[in-house]
ModelCIF file with pLDDT and N, C-alpha, C, O atoms, coordinates in Angstrom:
data_MODEL
#
_entry.id   MODEL 
#
_entity.id                         1 
_entity.type                       polymer 
_entity.pdbx_number_of_molecules   1 
#
_entity_poly.entity_id                      1 
_entity_poly.type                           'polypeptide(L)' 
_entity_poly.nstd_linkage                   no 
_entity_poly.nstd_monomer                   no 
_entity_poly.pdbx_seq_one_letter_code       TRAPDLIEDQYKSQDDGAWYYQQIELGYNYRLSDLQAALGLTQLTKL 
_entity_poly.pdbx_seq_one_letter_code_can   TRAPDLIEDQYKSQDDGAWYYQQIELGYNYRLSDLQAALGLTQLTKL 
_entity_poly.pdbx_strand_id                 A 
#
loop_
_entity_poly_seq.entity_id 
_entity_poly_seq.num 
_entity_poly_seq.mon_id 
_entity_poly_seq.hetero 
1 1  THR n 
1 2  ARG n 
1 3  ALA n 
1 4  PRO n 
1 5  ASP n 
1 6  LEU n 
1 7  ILE n 
1 8  GLU n 
1 9  ASP n 
1 10 GLN n 
1 11 TYR n 
1 12 LYS n 
1 13 SER n 
1 14 GLN n 
1 15 ASP n 
1 16 ASP n 
1 17 GLY n 
1 18 ALA n 
1 19 TRP n 
1 20 TYR n 
1 21 TYR n 
1 22 GLN n 
1 23 GLN n 
1 24 ILE n 
1 25 GLU n 
1 26 LEU n 
1 27 GLY n 
1 28 TYR n 
1 29 ASN n 
1 30 TYR n 
1 31 ARG n 
1 32 LEU n 
1 33 SER n 
1 34 ASP n 
1 35 LEU n 
1 36 GLN n 
1 37 ALA n 
1 38 ALA n 
1 39 LEU n 
1 40 GLY n 
1 41 LEU n 
1 42 THR n 
1 43 GLN n 
1 44 LEU n 
1 45 THR n 
1 46 LYS n 
1 47 LEU n 
#
_struct_asym.id          A 
_struct_asym.entity_id   1 
#
loop_
_ma_qa_metric.id 
_ma_qa_metric.mode 
_ma_qa_metric.name 
_ma_qa_metric.software_group_id 
_ma_qa_metric.type 
1 global pLDDT . pLDDT 
2 local  pLDDT . pLDDT 
#
_ma_qa_metric_global.metric_id      1 
_ma_qa_metric_global.metric_value   94.17 
_ma_qa_metric_global.model_id       1 
_ma_qa_metric_global.ordinal_id     1 
#
loop_
_ma_qa_metric_local.label_asym_id 
_ma_qa_metric_local.label_comp_id 
_ma_qa_metric_local.label_seq_id 
_ma_qa_metric_local.metric_id 
_ma_qa_metric_local.metric_value 
_ma_qa_metric_local.model_id 
_ma_qa_metric_local.ordinal_id 
A THR 1  2 94.00 1 1  
A ARG 2  2 92.00 1 2  
A ALA 3  2 91.00 1 3  
A PRO 4  2 90.00 1 4  
A ASP 5  2 90.00 1 5  
A LEU 6  2 92.00 1 6  
A ILE 7  2 92.00 1 7  
A GLU 8  2 93.00 1 8  
A ASP 9  2 90.00 1 9  
A GLN 10 2 91.00 1 10 
A TYR 11 2 93.00 1 11 
A LYS 12 2 91.00 1 12 
A SER 13 2 89.00 1 13 
A GLN 14 2 82.00 1 14 
A ASP 15 2 84.00 1 15 
A ASP 16 2 87.00 1 16 
A GLY 17 2 89.00 1 17 
A ALA 18 2 89.00 1 18 
A TRP 19 2 91.00 1 19 
A TYR 20 2 94.00 1 20 
A TYR 21 2 94.00 1 21 
A GLN 22 2 94.00 1 22 
A GLN 23 2 96.00 1 23 
A ILE 24 2 94.00 1 24 
A GLU 25 2 95.00 1 25 
A LEU 26 2 96.00 1 26 
A GLY 27 2 97.00 1 27 
A TYR 28 2 98.00 1 28 
A ASN 29 2 98.00 1 29 
A TYR 30 2 98.00 1 30 
A ARG 31 2 97.00 1 31 
A LEU 32 2 98.00 1 32 
A SER 33 2 97.00 1 33 
A ASP 34 2 97.00 1 34 
A LEU 35 2 97.00 1 35 
A GLN 36 2 98.00 1 36 
A ALA 37 2 98.00 1 37 
A ALA 38 2 98.00 1 38 
A LEU 39 2 98.00 1 39 
A GLY 40 2 98.00 1 40 
A LEU 41 2 98.00 1 41 
A THR 42 2 98.00 1 42 
A GLN 43 2 98.00 1 43 
A LEU 44 2 98.00 1 44 
A THR 45 2 98.00 1 45 
A LYS 46 2 98.00 1 46 
A LEU 47 2 98.00 1 47 
#
loop_
_atom_site.group_PDB 
_atom_site.id 
_atom_site.type_symbol 
_atom_site.label_atom_id 
_atom_site.label_alt_id 
_atom_site.label_comp_id 
_atom_site.label_asym_id 
_atom_site.label_entity_id 
_atom_site.label_seq_id 
_atom_site.pdbx_PDB_ins_code 
_atom_site.Cartn_x 
_atom_site.Cartn_y 
_atom_site.Cartn_z 
_atom_site.occupancy 
_atom_site.B_iso_or_equiv 
_atom_site.pdbx_formal_charge 
_atom_site.auth_seq_id 
_atom_site.auth_comp_id 
_atom_site.auth_asym_id 
_atom_site.auth_atom_id 
_atom_site.pdbx_PDB_model_num 
ATOM 1   N N  . THR A 1 1  ? -8.252  5.262   6.511  1.00 94.00 ? 1  THR A N  1 
ATOM 2   C CA . THR A 1 1  ? -9.072  4.594   7.455  1.00 94.00 ? 1  THR A CA 1 
ATOM 3   C C  . THR A 1 1  ? -10.460 4.391   7.036  1.00 94.00 ? 1  THR A C  1 
ATOM 4   O O  . THR A 1 1  ? -10.915 4.970   6.050  1.00 94.00 ? 1  THR A O  1 
ATOM 5   N N  . ARG A 1 2  ? -11.211 3.509   7.825  1.00 92.00 ? 2  ARG A N  1 
ATOM 6   C CA . ARG A 1 2  ? -12.648 3.450   7.923  1.00 92.00 ? 2  ARG A CA 1 
ATOM 7   C C  . ARG A 1 2  ? -13.209 3.608   9.104  1.00 92.00 ? 2  ARG A C  1 
ATOM 8   O O  . ARG A 1 2  ? -14.377 3.293   9.336  1.00 92.00 ? 2  ARG A O  1 
ATOM 9   N N  . ALA A 1 3  ? -12.370 4.140   9.993  1.00 91.00 ? 3  ALA A N  1 
ATOM 10  C CA . ALA A 1 3  ? -12.888 3.988   11.438 1.00 91.00 ? 3  ALA A CA 1 
ATOM 11  C C  . ALA A 1 3  ? -13.612 5.106   12.006 1.00 91.00 ? 3  ALA A C  1 
ATOM 12  O O  . ALA A 1 3  ? -13.019 6.172   12.169 1.00 91.00 ? 3  ALA A O  1 
ATOM 13  N N  . PRO A 1 4  ? -14.728 4.988   12.299 1.00 90.00 ? 4  PRO A N  1 
ATOM 14  C CA . PRO A 1 4  ? -15.729 5.916   12.481 1.00 90.00 ? 4  PRO A CA 1 
ATOM 15  C C  . PRO A 1 4  ? -15.116 7.133   13.262 1.00 90.00 ? 4  PRO A C  1 
ATOM 16  O O  . PRO A 1 4  ? -15.408 8.273   12.903 1.00 90.00 ? 4  PRO A O  1 
ATOM 17  N N  . ASP A 1 5  ? -14.241 6.908   14.365 1.00 90.00 ? 5  ASP A N  1 
ATOM 18  C CA . ASP A 1 5  ? -13.869 7.829   15.193 1.00 90.00 ? 5  ASP A CA 1 
ATOM 19  C C  . ASP A 1 5  ? -12.598 8.788   14.610 1.00 90.00 ? 5  ASP A C  1 
ATOM 20  O O  . ASP A 1 5  ? -12.157 9.801   15.151 1.00 90.00 ? 5  ASP A O  1 
ATOM 21  N N  . LEU A 1 6  ? -12.210 8.260   13.535 1.00 92.00 ? 6  LEU A N  1 
ATOM 22  C CA . LEU A 1 6  ? -10.972 8.911   12.477 1.00 92.00 ? 6  LEU A CA 1 
ATOM 23  C C  . LEU A 1 6  ? -11.479 9.636   11.396 1.00 92.00 ? 6  LEU A C  1 
ATOM 24  O O  . LEU A 1 6  ? -10.817 10.498  10.819 1.00 92.00 ? 6  LEU A O  1 
ATOM 25  N N  . ILE A 1 7  ? -12.898 9.254   11.022 1.00 92.00 ? 7  ILE A N  1 
ATOM 26  C CA . ILE A 1 7  ? -13.295 9.915   9.947  1.00 92.00 ? 7  ILE A CA 1 
ATOM 27  C C  . ILE A 1 7  ? -13.540 11.374  9.985  1.00 92.00 ? 7  ILE A C  1 
ATOM 28  O O  . ILE A 1 7  ? -14.145 11.735  10.995 1.00 92.00 ? 7  ILE A O  1 
ATOM 29  N N  . GLU A 1 8  ? -13.244 12.253  9.191  1.00 93.00 ? 8  GLU A N  1 
ATOM 30  C CA . GLU A 1 8  ? -13.382 13.757  9.111  1.00 93.00 ? 8  GLU A CA 1 
ATOM 31  C C  . GLU A 1 8  ? -14.711 14.099  8.690  1.00 93.00 ? 8  GLU A C  1 
ATOM 32  O O  . GLU A 1 8  ? -14.899 14.167  7.476  1.00 93.00 ? 8  GLU A O  1 
ATOM 33  N N  . ASP A 1 9  ? -15.540 14.295  9.365  1.00 90.00 ? 9  ASP A N  1 
ATOM 34  C CA . ASP A 1 9  ? -17.140 14.438  8.687  1.00 90.00 ? 9  ASP A CA 1 
ATOM 35  C C  . ASP A 1 9  ? -17.403 15.500  7.797  1.00 90.00 ? 9  ASP A C  1 
ATOM 36  O O  . ASP A 1 9  ? -18.356 15.462  7.019  1.00 90.00 ? 9  ASP A O  1 
ATOM 37  N N  . GLN A 1 10 ? -16.535 16.542  7.873  1.00 91.00 ? 10 GLN A N  1 
ATOM 38  C CA . GLN A 1 10 ? -17.008 17.706  6.968  1.00 91.00 ? 10 GLN A CA 1 
ATOM 39  C C  . GLN A 1 10 ? -16.439 17.363  5.636  1.00 91.00 ? 10 GLN A C  1 
ATOM 40  O O  . GLN A 1 10 ? -16.761 18.102  4.706  1.00 91.00 ? 10 GLN A O  1 
ATOM 41  N N  . TYR A 1 11 ? -15.488 16.165  5.343  1.00 93.00 ? 11 TYR A N  1 
ATOM 42  C CA . TYR A 1 11 ? -15.235 15.900  3.988  1.00 93.00 ? 11 TYR A CA 1 
ATOM 43  C C  . TYR A 1 11 ? -16.151 14.623  3.555  1.00 93.00 ? 11 TYR A C  1 
ATOM 44  O O  . TYR A 1 11 ? -15.845 14.034  2.519  1.00 93.00 ? 11 TYR A O  1 
ATOM 45  N N  . LYS A 1 12 ? -17.176 14.218  4.259  1.00 91.00 ? 12 LYS A N  1 
ATOM 46  C CA . LYS A 1 12 ? -18.000 13.098  3.952  1.00 91.00 ? 12 LYS A CA 1 
ATOM 47  C C  . LYS A 1 12 ? -19.268 13.505  3.427  1.00 91.00 ? 12 LYS A C  1 
ATOM 48  O O  . LYS A 1 12 ? -19.743 14.472  4.023  1.00 91.00 ? 12 LYS A O  1 
ATOM 49  N N  . SER A 1 13 ? -20.001 13.021  2.422  1.00 89.00 ? 13 SER A N  1 
ATOM 50  C CA . SER A 1 13 ? -21.322 13.316  2.020  1.00 89.00 ? 13 SER A CA 1 
ATOM 51  C C  . SER A 1 13 ? -22.322 12.517  2.310  1.00 89.00 ? 13 SER A C  1 
ATOM 52  O O  . SER A 1 13 ? -21.990 11.358  2.559  1.00 89.00 ? 13 SER A O  1 
ATOM 53  N N  . GLN A 1 14 ? -23.553 12.792  2.364  1.00 82.00 ? 14 GLN A N  1 
ATOM 54  C CA . GLN A 1 14 ? -24.559 11.723  2.677  1.00 82.00 ? 14 GLN A CA 1 
ATOM 55  C C  . GLN A 1 14 ? -24.791 10.620  1.724  1.00 82.00 ? 14 GLN A C  1 
ATOM 56  O O  . GLN A 1 14 ? -25.413 9.594   1.998  1.00 82.00 ? 14 GLN A O  1 
ATOM 57  N N  . ASP A 1 15 ? -24.166 10.941  0.412  1.00 84.00 ? 15 ASP A N  1 
ATOM 58  C CA . ASP A 1 15 ? -24.064 9.830   -0.759 1.00 84.00 ? 15 ASP A CA 1 
ATOM 59  C C  . ASP A 1 15 ? -22.982 8.670   -0.459 1.00 84.00 ? 15 ASP A C  1 
ATOM 60  O O  . ASP A 1 15 ? -22.879 7.778   -1.300 1.00 84.00 ? 15 ASP A O  1 
ATOM 61  N N  . ASP A 1 16 ? -22.228 8.638   0.614  1.00 87.00 ? 16 ASP A N  1 
ATOM 62  C CA . ASP A 1 16 ? -21.135 7.764   0.799  1.00 87.00 ? 16 ASP A CA 1 
ATOM 63  C C  . ASP A 1 16 ? -21.498 6.862   1.671  1.00 87.00 ? 16 ASP A C  1 
ATOM 64  O O  . ASP A 1 16 ? -21.809 7.076   2.843  1.00 87.00 ? 16 ASP A O  1 
ATOM 65  N N  . GLY A 1 17 ? -21.458 5.618   1.000  1.00 89.00 ? 17 GLY A N  1 
ATOM 66  C CA . GLY A 1 17 ? -21.872 4.457   1.676  1.00 89.00 ? 17 GLY A CA 1 
ATOM 67  C C  . GLY A 1 17 ? -20.789 3.469   2.346  1.00 89.00 ? 17 GLY A C  1 
ATOM 68  O O  . GLY A 1 17 ? -19.638 3.898   2.434  1.00 89.00 ? 17 GLY A O  1 
ATOM 69  N N  . ALA A 1 18 ? -21.045 2.320   2.772  1.00 89.00 ? 18 ALA A N  1 
ATOM 70  C CA . ALA A 1 18 ? -20.286 1.487   3.472  1.00 89.00 ? 18 ALA A CA 1 
ATOM 71  C C  . ALA A 1 18 ? -18.788 1.207   2.809  1.00 89.00 ? 18 ALA A C  1 
ATOM 72  O O  . ALA A 1 18 ? -17.902 0.689   3.487  1.00 89.00 ? 18 ALA A O  1 
ATOM 73  N N  . TRP A 1 19 ? -18.600 1.561   1.545  1.00 91.00 ? 19 TRP A N  1 
ATOM 74  C CA . TRP A 1 19 ? -17.467 1.555   0.939  1.00 91.00 ? 19 TRP A CA 1 
ATOM 75  C C  . TRP A 1 19 ? -16.505 2.637   1.293  1.00 91.00 ? 19 TRP A C  1 
ATOM 76  O O  . TRP A 1 19 ? -15.335 2.549   0.922  1.00 91.00 ? 19 TRP A O  1 
ATOM 77  N N  . TYR A 1 20 ? -16.904 3.593   1.948  1.00 94.00 ? 20 TYR A N  1 
ATOM 78  C CA . TYR A 1 20 ? -16.282 4.848   2.384  1.00 94.00 ? 20 TYR A CA 1 
ATOM 79  C C  . TYR A 1 20 ? -15.153 4.814   3.170  1.00 94.00 ? 20 TYR A C  1 
ATOM 80  O O  . TYR A 1 20 ? -15.158 4.326   4.300  1.00 94.00 ? 20 TYR A O  1 
ATOM 81  N N  . TYR A 1 21 ? -14.115 5.335   2.607  1.00 94.00 ? 21 TYR A N  1 
ATOM 82  C CA . TYR A 1 21 ? -12.860 5.640   3.430  1.00 94.00 ? 21 TYR A CA 1 
ATOM 83  C C  . TYR A 1 21 ? -12.061 6.968   3.291  1.00 94.00 ? 21 TYR A C  1 
ATOM 84  O O  . TYR A 1 21 ? -12.360 7.713   2.357  1.00 94.00 ? 21 TYR A O  1 
ATOM 85  N N  . GLN A 1 22 ? -11.354 7.220   3.904  1.00 94.00 ? 22 GLN A N  1 
ATOM 86  C CA . GLN A 1 22 ? -10.623 8.505   3.916  1.00 94.00 ? 22 GLN A CA 1 
ATOM 87  C C  . GLN A 1 22 ? -8.927  8.422   4.013  1.00 94.00 ? 22 GLN A C  1 
ATOM 88  O O  . GLN A 1 22 ? -8.370  7.568   4.703  1.00 94.00 ? 22 GLN A O  1 
ATOM 89  N N  . GLN A 1 23 ? -8.352  9.217   3.390  1.00 96.00 ? 23 GLN A N  1 
ATOM 90  C CA . GLN A 1 23 ? -6.743  9.210   3.708  1.00 96.00 ? 23 GLN A CA 1 
ATOM 91  C C  . GLN A 1 23 ? -6.747  10.409  4.514  1.00 96.00 ? 23 GLN A C  1 
ATOM 92  O O  . GLN A 1 23 ? -7.163  11.472  4.053  1.00 96.00 ? 23 GLN A O  1 
ATOM 93  N N  . ILE A 1 24 ? -6.258  10.283  5.821  1.00 94.00 ? 24 ILE A N  1 
ATOM 94  C CA . ILE A 1 24 ? -6.213  11.338  6.579  1.00 94.00 ? 24 ILE A CA 1 
ATOM 95  C C  . ILE A 1 24 ? -4.686  11.743  7.084  1.00 94.00 ? 24 ILE A C  1 
ATOM 96  O O  . ILE A 1 24 ? -4.522  12.769  7.745  1.00 94.00 ? 24 ILE A O  1 
ATOM 97  N N  . GLU A 1 25 ? -3.658  10.940  6.757  1.00 95.00 ? 25 GLU A N  1 
ATOM 98  C CA . GLU A 1 25 ? -2.535  11.283  6.755  1.00 95.00 ? 25 GLU A CA 1 
ATOM 99  C C  . GLU A 1 25 ? -1.590  10.646  5.421  1.00 95.00 ? 25 GLU A C  1 
ATOM 100 O O  . GLU A 1 25 ? -2.060  9.801   4.659  1.00 95.00 ? 25 GLU A O  1 
ATOM 101 N N  . LEU A 1 26 ? -0.270  11.168  5.292  1.00 96.00 ? 26 LEU A N  1 
ATOM 102 C CA . LEU A 1 26 ? 0.516   10.623  4.198  1.00 96.00 ? 26 LEU A CA 1 
ATOM 103 C C  . LEU A 1 26 ? 1.210   9.200   4.590  1.00 96.00 ? 26 LEU A C  1 
ATOM 104 O O  . LEU A 1 26 ? 2.265   9.349   5.207  1.00 96.00 ? 26 LEU A O  1 
ATOM 105 N N  . GLY A 1 27 ? 0.841   7.912   4.365  1.00 97.00 ? 27 GLY A N  1 
ATOM 106 C CA . GLY A 1 27 ? 1.223   6.951   5.022  1.00 97.00 ? 27 GLY A CA 1 
ATOM 107 C C  . GLY A 1 27 ? 1.780   6.056   4.033  1.00 97.00 ? 27 GLY A C  1 
ATOM 108 O O  . GLY A 1 27 ? 1.787   6.448   2.866  1.00 97.00 ? 27 GLY A O  1 
ATOM 109 N N  . TYR A 1 28 ? 2.247   4.915   4.313  1.00 98.00 ? 28 TYR A N  1 
ATOM 110 C CA . TYR A 1 28 ? 2.977   4.083   3.297  1.00 98.00 ? 28 TYR A CA 1 
ATOM 111 C C  . TYR A 1 28 ? 2.565   2.584   3.349  1.00 98.00 ? 28 TYR A C  1 
ATOM 112 O O  . TYR A 1 28 ? 1.988   2.125   4.335  1.00 98.00 ? 28 TYR A O  1 
ATOM 113 N N  . ASN A 1 29 ? 2.849   1.905   2.363  1.00 98.00 ? 29 ASN A N  1 
ATOM 114 C CA . ASN A 1 29 ? 2.209   0.507   2.298  1.00 98.00 ? 29 ASN A CA 1 
ATOM 115 C C  . ASN A 1 29 ? 3.369   -0.497  3.119  1.00 98.00 ? 29 ASN A C  1 
ATOM 116 O O  . ASN A 1 29 ? 4.363   -0.971  2.570  1.00 98.00 ? 29 ASN A O  1 
ATOM 117 N N  . TYR A 1 30 ? 3.041   -0.670  4.367  1.00 98.00 ? 30 TYR A N  1 
ATOM 118 C CA . TYR A 1 30 ? 4.040   -1.225  5.220  1.00 98.00 ? 30 TYR A CA 1 
ATOM 119 C C  . TYR A 1 30 ? 3.417   -2.895  5.943  1.00 98.00 ? 30 TYR A C  1 
ATOM 120 O O  . TYR A 1 30 ? 3.918   -3.640  6.785  1.00 98.00 ? 30 TYR A O  1 
ATOM 121 N N  . ARG A 1 31 ? 2.225   -2.975  5.201  1.00 97.00 ? 31 ARG A N  1 
ATOM 122 C CA . ARG A 1 31 ? 1.701   -4.252  5.591  1.00 97.00 ? 31 ARG A CA 1 
ATOM 123 C C  . ARG A 1 31 ? 2.155   -5.396  5.677  1.00 97.00 ? 31 ARG A C  1 
ATOM 124 O O  . ARG A 1 31 ? 2.733   -5.760  4.653  1.00 97.00 ? 31 ARG A O  1 
ATOM 125 N N  . LEU A 1 32 ? 2.122   -6.245  6.639  1.00 98.00 ? 32 LEU A N  1 
ATOM 126 C CA . LEU A 1 32 ? 2.448   -7.571  6.547  1.00 98.00 ? 32 LEU A CA 1 
ATOM 127 C C  . LEU A 1 32 ? 1.509   -8.384  6.060  1.00 98.00 ? 32 LEU A C  1 
ATOM 128 O O  . LEU A 1 32 ? 0.328   -8.146  6.312  1.00 98.00 ? 32 LEU A O  1 
ATOM 129 N N  . SER A 1 33 ? 1.932   -9.640  5.167  1.00 97.00 ? 33 SER A N  1 
ATOM 130 C CA . SER A 1 33 ? 0.952   -10.434 4.584  1.00 97.00 ? 33 SER A CA 1 
ATOM 131 C C  . SER A 1 33 ? 0.369   -11.417 5.534  1.00 97.00 ? 33 SER A C  1 
ATOM 132 O O  . SER A 1 33 ? 0.829   -11.566 6.665  1.00 97.00 ? 33 SER A O  1 
ATOM 133 N N  . ASP A 1 34 ? -0.642  -12.086 5.075  1.00 97.00 ? 34 ASP A N  1 
ATOM 134 C CA . ASP A 1 34 ? -1.313  -13.181 5.967  1.00 97.00 ? 34 ASP A CA 1 
ATOM 135 C C  . ASP A 1 34 ? -0.467  -14.417 5.933  1.00 97.00 ? 34 ASP A C  1 
ATOM 136 O O  . ASP A 1 34 ? -0.386  -15.148 6.920  1.00 97.00 ? 34 ASP A O  1 
ATOM 137 N N  . LEU A 1 35 ? 0.212   -14.680 4.729  1.00 97.00 ? 35 LEU A N  1 
ATOM 138 C CA . LEU A 1 35 ? 1.256   -15.806 4.756  1.00 97.00 ? 35 LEU A CA 1 
ATOM 139 C C  . LEU A 1 35 ? 2.212   -15.607 5.803  1.00 97.00 ? 35 LEU A C  1 
ATOM 140 O O  . LEU A 1 35 ? 2.570   -16.510 6.560  1.00 97.00 ? 35 LEU A O  1 
ATOM 141 N N  . GLN A 1 36 ? 2.628   -14.425 5.850  1.00 98.00 ? 36 GLN A N  1 
ATOM 142 C CA . GLN A 1 36 ? 3.638   -14.085 6.745  1.00 98.00 ? 36 GLN A CA 1 
ATOM 143 C C  . GLN A 1 36 ? 3.370   -14.245 8.369  1.00 98.00 ? 36 GLN A C  1 
ATOM 144 O O  . GLN A 1 36 ? 4.167   -14.746 9.162  1.00 98.00 ? 36 GLN A O  1 
ATOM 145 N N  . ALA A 1 37 ? 2.023   -13.688 8.693  1.00 98.00 ? 37 ALA A N  1 
ATOM 146 C CA . ALA A 1 37 ? 1.527   -13.666 9.871  1.00 98.00 ? 37 ALA A CA 1 
ATOM 147 C C  . ALA A 1 37 ? 1.345   -15.162 10.334 1.00 98.00 ? 37 ALA A C  1 
ATOM 148 O O  . ALA A 1 37 ? 1.663   -15.524 11.467 1.00 98.00 ? 37 ALA A O  1 
ATOM 149 N N  . ALA A 1 38 ? 0.719   -16.156 9.218  1.00 98.00 ? 38 ALA A N  1 
ATOM 150 C CA . ALA A 1 38 ? 0.817   -17.584 9.709  1.00 98.00 ? 38 ALA A CA 1 
ATOM 151 C C  . ALA A 1 38 ? 1.899   -18.214 10.155 1.00 98.00 ? 38 ALA A C  1 
ATOM 152 O O  . ALA A 1 38 ? 1.857   -19.099 11.009 1.00 98.00 ? 38 ALA A O  1 
ATOM 153 N N  . LEU A 1 39 ? 3.024   -17.761 9.557  1.00 98.00 ? 39 LEU A N  1 
ATOM 154 C CA . LEU A 1 39 ? 4.374   -18.239 9.939  1.00 98.00 ? 39 LEU A CA 1 
ATOM 155 C C  . LEU A 1 39 ? 4.722   -17.799 11.340 1.00 98.00 ? 39 LEU A C  1 
ATOM 156 O O  . LEU A 1 39 ? 5.159   -18.550 12.213 1.00 98.00 ? 39 LEU A O  1 
ATOM 157 N N  . GLY A 1 40 ? 4.514   -16.655 11.456 1.00 98.00 ? 40 GLY A N  1 
ATOM 158 C CA . GLY A 1 40 ? 4.777   -15.991 12.747 1.00 98.00 ? 40 GLY A CA 1 
ATOM 159 C C  . GLY A 1 40 ? 3.939   -16.779 13.997 1.00 98.00 ? 40 GLY A C  1 
ATOM 160 O O  . GLY A 1 40 ? 4.460   -17.180 15.038 1.00 98.00 ? 40 GLY A O  1 
ATOM 161 N N  . LEU A 1 41 ? 2.749   -16.879 13.689 1.00 98.00 ? 41 LEU A N  1 
ATOM 162 C CA . LEU A 1 41 ? 1.878   -17.504 14.691 1.00 98.00 ? 41 LEU A CA 1 
ATOM 163 C C  . LEU A 1 41 ? 2.505   -18.762 15.215 1.00 98.00 ? 41 LEU A C  1 
ATOM 164 O O  . LEU A 1 41 ? 2.673   -18.936 16.422 1.00 98.00 ? 41 LEU A O  1 
ATOM 165 N N  . THR A 1 42 ? 2.920   -19.811 14.123 1.00 98.00 ? 42 THR A N  1 
ATOM 166 C CA . THR A 1 42 ? 3.494   -20.980 14.646 1.00 98.00 ? 42 THR A CA 1 
ATOM 167 C C  . THR A 1 42 ? 4.953   -20.764 15.142 1.00 98.00 ? 42 THR A C  1 
ATOM 168 O O  . THR A 1 42 ? 5.381   -21.446 16.073 1.00 98.00 ? 42 THR A O  1 
ATOM 169 N N  . GLN A 1 43 ? 5.703   -19.845 14.546 1.00 98.00 ? 43 GLN A N  1 
ATOM 170 C CA . GLN A 1 43 ? 6.870   -19.597 15.438 1.00 98.00 ? 43 GLN A CA 1 
ATOM 171 C C  . GLN A 1 43 ? 6.924   -19.189 16.679 1.00 98.00 ? 43 GLN A C  1 
ATOM 172 O O  . GLN A 1 43 ? 7.873   -19.474 17.409 1.00 98.00 ? 43 GLN A O  1 
ATOM 173 N N  . LEU A 1 44 ? 5.775   -18.379 17.113 1.00 98.00 ? 44 LEU A N  1 
ATOM 174 C CA . LEU A 1 44 ? 5.682   -17.612 18.311 1.00 98.00 ? 44 LEU A CA 1 
ATOM 175 C C  . LEU A 1 44 ? 5.533   -18.916 19.307 1.00 98.00 ? 44 LEU A C  1 
ATOM 176 O O  . LEU A 1 44 ? 6.111   -18.879 20.393 1.00 98.00 ? 44 LEU A O  1 
ATOM 177 N N  . THR A 1 45 ? 4.790   -20.015 18.950 1.00 98.00 ? 45 THR A N  1 
ATOM 178 C CA . THR A 1 45 ? 4.356   -21.022 20.016 1.00 98.00 ? 45 THR A CA 1 
ATOM 179 C C  . THR A 1 45 ? 5.779   -21.651 20.223 1.00 98.00 ? 45 THR A C  1 
ATOM 180 O O  . THR A 1 45 ? 5.835   -22.374 21.218 1.00 98.00 ? 45 THR A O  1 
ATOM 181 N N  . LYS A 1 46 ? 6.720   -21.557 19.640 1.00 98.00 ? 46 LYS A N  1 
ATOM 182 C CA . LYS A 1 46 ? 8.005   -22.248 19.959 1.00 98.00 ? 46 LYS A CA 1 
ATOM 183 C C  . LYS A 1 46 ? 9.155   -21.325 20.554 1.00 98.00 ? 46 LYS A C  1 
ATOM 184 O O  . LYS A 1 46 ? 10.213  -21.750 21.017 1.00 98.00 ? 46 LYS A O  1 
ATOM 185 N N  . LEU A 1 47 ? 8.805   -20.100 20.474 1.00 98.00 ? 47 LEU A N  1 
ATOM 186 C CA . LEU A 1 47 ? 9.797   -19.013 21.143 1.00 98.00 ? 47 LEU A CA 1 
ATOM 187 C C  . LEU A 1 47 ? 10.388  -19.250 22.433 1.00 98.00 ? 47 LEU A C  1 
ATOM 188 O O  . LEU A 1 47 ? 11.142  -18.413 22.929 1.00 98.00 ? 47 LEU A O  1 
#
């Protein structure tokens, strides 16, 4: 996450910039692609 309300400040240093992110859970790569989402958007109009 990069969300400010989820970042654990005790692990962040003053030198960390806008690129900074943290892993705070053991997650998975379950993302949907934008290609698929574009198809879903047009499909939804016909549902």
